[in-house]
N, C-alpha and C. Protein backbone atom coordinates (compact mmCIF):
# COMPACT_ATOMS: atom_id res chain seq x y z
N MET A 1 4.87 18.55 5.47
CA MET A 1 4.17 17.37 5.93
C MET A 1 4.29 17.26 7.44
N ASN A 2 3.34 16.59 8.02
CA ASN A 2 3.30 16.37 9.45
C ASN A 2 4.49 15.50 9.87
N ASP A 3 5.12 15.85 11.01
CA ASP A 3 6.30 15.13 11.47
C ASP A 3 6.03 13.66 11.77
N ASP A 4 4.81 13.31 12.15
CA ASP A 4 4.52 11.91 12.48
C ASP A 4 3.99 11.14 11.28
N TRP A 5 3.93 11.75 10.12
CA TRP A 5 3.50 11.08 8.89
C TRP A 5 4.75 10.50 8.22
N PRO A 6 4.88 9.18 8.13
CA PRO A 6 6.14 8.58 7.67
C PRO A 6 6.29 8.40 6.16
N PHE A 7 5.22 8.51 5.39
CA PHE A 7 5.29 8.25 3.96
C PHE A 7 5.86 9.43 3.18
N ASP A 8 6.39 9.14 1.98
CA ASP A 8 6.94 10.20 1.13
C ASP A 8 5.86 10.93 0.34
N GLN A 9 4.63 10.49 0.45
CA GLN A 9 3.48 11.16 -0.17
C GLN A 9 2.57 11.66 0.95
N ALA A 10 1.98 12.82 0.77
CA ALA A 10 1.11 13.42 1.79
C ALA A 10 -0.17 12.60 1.97
N LYS A 11 -0.84 12.83 3.08
CA LYS A 11 -2.07 12.09 3.40
C LYS A 11 -3.15 12.25 2.34
N ASN A 12 -3.16 13.39 1.64
CA ASN A 12 -4.22 13.63 0.66
C ASN A 12 -3.83 13.23 -0.77
N VAL A 13 -2.69 12.58 -0.94
CA VAL A 13 -2.25 12.13 -2.26
C VAL A 13 -2.93 10.80 -2.58
N ALA A 14 -3.30 10.62 -3.84
CA ALA A 14 -4.00 9.41 -4.27
C ALA A 14 -3.12 8.16 -4.16
N ALA A 15 -3.76 7.07 -3.78
CA ALA A 15 -3.13 5.75 -3.74
C ALA A 15 -4.13 4.75 -4.31
N MET A 16 -3.61 3.66 -4.81
CA MET A 16 -4.46 2.61 -5.37
C MET A 16 -4.76 1.55 -4.31
N THR A 17 -5.96 1.02 -4.39
CA THR A 17 -6.36 -0.13 -3.58
C THR A 17 -7.40 -0.89 -4.38
N THR A 18 -8.15 -1.74 -3.72
CA THR A 18 -9.18 -2.53 -4.41
C THR A 18 -10.51 -2.41 -3.71
N ARG A 19 -11.56 -2.77 -4.42
CA ARG A 19 -12.89 -2.77 -3.80
C ARG A 19 -12.95 -3.82 -2.70
N GLN A 20 -12.13 -4.88 -2.82
CA GLN A 20 -12.13 -5.91 -1.77
C GLN A 20 -11.64 -5.33 -0.45
N VAL A 21 -10.63 -4.47 -0.51
CA VAL A 21 -10.13 -3.82 0.70
C VAL A 21 -11.17 -2.85 1.25
N LEU A 22 -11.74 -2.02 0.38
CA LEU A 22 -12.66 -0.99 0.83
C LEU A 22 -14.05 -1.52 1.19
N ASP A 23 -14.62 -2.36 0.34
CA ASP A 23 -16.01 -2.78 0.52
C ASP A 23 -16.16 -4.09 1.28
N GLU A 24 -15.20 -4.99 1.11
CA GLU A 24 -15.30 -6.30 1.75
C GLU A 24 -14.36 -6.45 2.94
N HIS A 25 -13.60 -5.40 3.23
CA HIS A 25 -12.71 -5.34 4.39
C HIS A 25 -11.64 -6.43 4.39
N HIS A 26 -11.13 -6.77 3.19
CA HIS A 26 -10.00 -7.69 3.12
C HIS A 26 -8.77 -7.00 3.70
N SER A 27 -7.88 -7.77 4.25
CA SER A 27 -6.64 -7.23 4.81
C SER A 27 -5.70 -6.78 3.70
N ILE A 28 -4.94 -5.74 3.97
CA ILE A 28 -3.92 -5.26 3.03
C ILE A 28 -2.66 -6.10 3.27
N LEU A 29 -2.33 -6.91 2.28
CA LEU A 29 -1.21 -7.84 2.40
C LEU A 29 -0.12 -7.62 1.35
N ARG A 30 -0.39 -6.75 0.39
CA ARG A 30 0.55 -6.47 -0.69
C ARG A 30 0.68 -4.96 -0.87
N VAL A 31 1.90 -4.49 -0.99
CA VAL A 31 2.16 -3.05 -1.17
C VAL A 31 3.20 -2.88 -2.27
N VAL A 32 2.98 -1.91 -3.12
CA VAL A 32 3.96 -1.54 -4.15
C VAL A 32 4.18 -0.04 -4.09
N HIS A 33 5.44 0.36 -4.12
CA HIS A 33 5.83 1.77 -4.20
C HIS A 33 6.47 1.96 -5.57
N TYR A 34 5.73 2.55 -6.49
CA TYR A 34 6.15 2.64 -7.89
C TYR A 34 7.31 3.61 -8.07
N SER A 35 8.23 3.22 -8.96
CA SER A 35 9.41 4.05 -9.19
C SER A 35 9.15 5.21 -10.14
N ASP A 36 8.19 5.06 -11.05
CA ASP A 36 8.00 6.10 -12.06
C ASP A 36 7.41 7.39 -11.49
N ASP A 37 6.46 7.29 -10.61
CA ASP A 37 5.83 8.50 -10.07
C ASP A 37 5.77 8.52 -8.54
N HIS A 38 6.39 7.53 -7.89
CA HIS A 38 6.45 7.40 -6.44
C HIS A 38 5.08 7.16 -5.80
N SER A 39 4.10 6.74 -6.61
CA SER A 39 2.78 6.43 -6.06
C SER A 39 2.82 5.08 -5.35
N TRP A 40 1.74 4.79 -4.63
CA TRP A 40 1.64 3.57 -3.84
C TRP A 40 0.38 2.80 -4.21
N ALA A 41 0.45 1.47 -4.06
CA ALA A 41 -0.72 0.60 -4.19
C ALA A 41 -0.76 -0.30 -2.96
N PHE A 42 -1.94 -0.43 -2.38
CA PHE A 42 -2.16 -1.22 -1.17
C PHE A 42 -3.30 -2.19 -1.46
N THR A 43 -2.97 -3.47 -1.62
CA THR A 43 -3.98 -4.44 -2.04
C THR A 43 -4.00 -5.66 -1.13
N CYS A 44 -5.03 -6.46 -1.35
CA CYS A 44 -5.20 -7.68 -0.56
C CYS A 44 -4.52 -8.87 -1.22
N GLY A 45 -4.23 -8.76 -2.50
CA GLY A 45 -3.60 -9.85 -3.22
C GLY A 45 -4.57 -10.89 -3.75
N THR A 46 -5.88 -10.60 -3.70
CA THR A 46 -6.87 -11.58 -4.18
C THR A 46 -7.35 -11.30 -5.59
N THR A 47 -6.95 -10.17 -6.17
CA THR A 47 -7.43 -9.82 -7.51
C THR A 47 -6.38 -9.03 -8.27
N ASP A 48 -6.39 -9.18 -9.57
CA ASP A 48 -5.60 -8.30 -10.43
C ASP A 48 -6.48 -7.74 -11.54
N ASP A 49 -7.79 -7.82 -11.33
CA ASP A 49 -8.77 -7.32 -12.29
C ASP A 49 -8.83 -5.79 -12.20
N PRO A 50 -8.55 -5.07 -13.28
CA PRO A 50 -8.61 -3.62 -13.24
C PRO A 50 -9.96 -3.08 -12.79
N LYS A 51 -11.03 -3.83 -12.99
CA LYS A 51 -12.36 -3.39 -12.55
C LYS A 51 -12.46 -3.28 -11.04
N ASP A 52 -11.58 -3.97 -10.31
CA ASP A 52 -11.60 -3.94 -8.85
C ASP A 52 -10.81 -2.77 -8.28
N GLY A 53 -10.08 -2.03 -9.12
CA GLY A 53 -9.24 -0.94 -8.65
C GLY A 53 -10.04 0.24 -8.12
N LYS A 54 -9.55 0.84 -7.05
CA LYS A 54 -10.15 2.03 -6.44
C LYS A 54 -9.03 3.01 -6.09
N VAL A 55 -9.35 4.29 -6.10
CA VAL A 55 -8.41 5.33 -5.73
C VAL A 55 -8.87 5.95 -4.41
N VAL A 56 -7.95 6.06 -3.47
CA VAL A 56 -8.22 6.66 -2.16
C VAL A 56 -7.04 7.53 -1.77
N GLY A 57 -7.18 8.27 -0.72
CA GLY A 57 -6.07 9.05 -0.18
C GLY A 57 -5.16 8.19 0.67
N MET A 58 -3.89 8.54 0.70
CA MET A 58 -2.93 7.82 1.54
C MET A 58 -3.39 7.77 2.99
N GLY A 59 -3.94 8.87 3.47
CA GLY A 59 -4.41 8.90 4.85
C GLY A 59 -5.53 7.91 5.11
N CYS A 60 -6.40 7.71 4.14
CA CYS A 60 -7.49 6.75 4.26
C CYS A 60 -6.95 5.34 4.42
N ILE A 61 -5.93 5.00 3.65
CA ILE A 61 -5.34 3.67 3.73
C ILE A 61 -4.74 3.43 5.11
N VAL A 62 -4.03 4.41 5.63
CA VAL A 62 -3.42 4.26 6.96
C VAL A 62 -4.48 4.24 8.05
N ASP A 63 -5.60 4.94 7.85
CA ASP A 63 -6.70 4.84 8.79
C ASP A 63 -7.27 3.42 8.80
N ILE A 64 -7.34 2.79 7.63
CA ILE A 64 -7.83 1.41 7.54
C ILE A 64 -6.87 0.46 8.25
N ASP A 65 -5.58 0.66 8.06
CA ASP A 65 -4.57 -0.24 8.63
C ASP A 65 -3.33 0.54 9.05
N PRO A 66 -3.28 1.01 10.30
CA PRO A 66 -2.13 1.78 10.78
C PRO A 66 -0.82 0.99 10.76
N THR A 67 -0.86 -0.35 10.71
CA THR A 67 0.39 -1.13 10.68
C THR A 67 1.16 -0.92 9.39
N LEU A 68 0.54 -0.30 8.40
CA LEU A 68 1.23 -0.01 7.14
C LEU A 68 2.38 0.98 7.33
N LYS A 69 2.38 1.71 8.41
CA LYS A 69 3.48 2.64 8.68
C LYS A 69 4.82 1.92 8.75
N ALA A 70 4.78 0.61 9.02
CA ALA A 70 6.02 -0.18 9.12
C ALA A 70 6.76 -0.27 7.79
N ILE A 71 6.07 -0.06 6.68
CA ILE A 71 6.74 -0.15 5.37
C ILE A 71 6.81 1.22 4.68
N ALA A 72 6.60 2.28 5.43
CA ALA A 72 6.64 3.62 4.86
C ALA A 72 8.01 3.97 4.28
N ASP A 73 9.05 3.28 4.72
CA ASP A 73 10.40 3.53 4.21
C ASP A 73 10.72 2.68 2.97
N LEU A 74 9.72 1.98 2.43
CA LEU A 74 9.92 1.17 1.23
C LEU A 74 10.35 2.07 0.08
N PRO A 75 11.50 1.82 -0.51
CA PRO A 75 11.98 2.71 -1.58
C PRO A 75 11.12 2.61 -2.84
N PRO A 76 11.08 3.66 -3.63
CA PRO A 76 10.40 3.56 -4.93
C PRO A 76 11.02 2.43 -5.74
N GLY A 77 10.16 1.67 -6.42
CA GLY A 77 10.63 0.53 -7.18
C GLY A 77 10.64 -0.76 -6.39
N TRP A 78 10.12 -0.70 -5.18
CA TRP A 78 10.09 -1.88 -4.30
C TRP A 78 8.66 -2.24 -3.95
N GLY A 79 8.48 -3.46 -3.52
CA GLY A 79 7.21 -3.95 -3.04
C GLY A 79 7.42 -4.71 -1.75
N ALA A 80 6.31 -5.07 -1.10
CA ALA A 80 6.37 -5.85 0.12
C ALA A 80 5.09 -6.67 0.25
N TRP A 81 5.21 -7.82 0.90
CA TRP A 81 4.03 -8.66 1.14
C TRP A 81 4.16 -9.27 2.54
N ARG A 82 3.01 -9.68 3.06
CA ARG A 82 2.97 -10.36 4.35
C ARG A 82 1.82 -11.36 4.33
N GLU A 83 1.86 -12.30 5.23
CA GLU A 83 0.82 -13.33 5.31
C GLU A 83 -0.43 -12.83 6.02
N THR A 84 -0.23 -12.02 7.08
CA THR A 84 -1.34 -11.53 7.90
C THR A 84 -1.05 -10.11 8.37
N VAL A 85 -2.10 -9.40 8.75
CA VAL A 85 -1.93 -8.07 9.33
C VAL A 85 -1.13 -8.23 10.63
N GLY A 86 -0.11 -7.40 10.77
CA GLY A 86 0.76 -7.50 11.94
C GLY A 86 1.92 -8.45 11.73
N GLY A 87 1.88 -9.22 10.63
CA GLY A 87 2.97 -10.14 10.33
C GLY A 87 4.18 -9.41 9.76
N SER A 88 5.27 -10.12 9.66
CA SER A 88 6.49 -9.54 9.12
C SER A 88 6.35 -9.31 7.62
N TRP A 89 6.89 -8.18 7.17
CA TRP A 89 6.88 -7.85 5.75
C TRP A 89 8.10 -8.45 5.08
N THR A 90 7.90 -9.02 3.91
CA THR A 90 8.99 -9.46 3.04
C THR A 90 9.09 -8.43 1.93
N ARG A 91 10.24 -7.81 1.84
CA ARG A 91 10.46 -6.74 0.86
C ARG A 91 11.18 -7.29 -0.37
N TYR A 92 10.89 -6.71 -1.52
CA TYR A 92 11.56 -7.14 -2.75
C TYR A 92 11.69 -5.96 -3.70
N SER A 93 12.75 -5.99 -4.48
CA SER A 93 12.95 -5.00 -5.52
C SER A 93 12.14 -5.41 -6.74
N SER A 94 11.63 -4.43 -7.46
CA SER A 94 10.90 -4.76 -8.67
C SER A 94 11.80 -5.45 -9.69
N LEU A 95 13.11 -5.34 -9.55
CA LEU A 95 14.03 -6.02 -10.43
C LEU A 95 14.03 -7.53 -10.19
N GLU A 96 13.50 -7.95 -9.02
CA GLU A 96 13.44 -9.36 -8.68
C GLU A 96 12.21 -10.03 -9.25
N LEU A 97 11.30 -9.28 -9.86
CA LEU A 97 10.06 -9.85 -10.38
C LEU A 97 10.28 -10.65 -11.65
């Protein structure tokens, strides 16, 4: 992997997002790093409808919002949320859910 790429998954690895992020340009305010397969989800937090789910590459998500690099060290099994883009991330263990 590229030395300046901070995530544990390569740029071309699939990640989950929503149509609201991709089509309506909603801000990414919620992130989950899954413990079972180390995959990532980057969402706006406005929907939990499976019909809104989209699959993109990790690199595409970071192109949409480079500030996501700030949570690249989020361990598997953890999530993070923020109020606004550029705001502070609040991290939580999935055990806290």
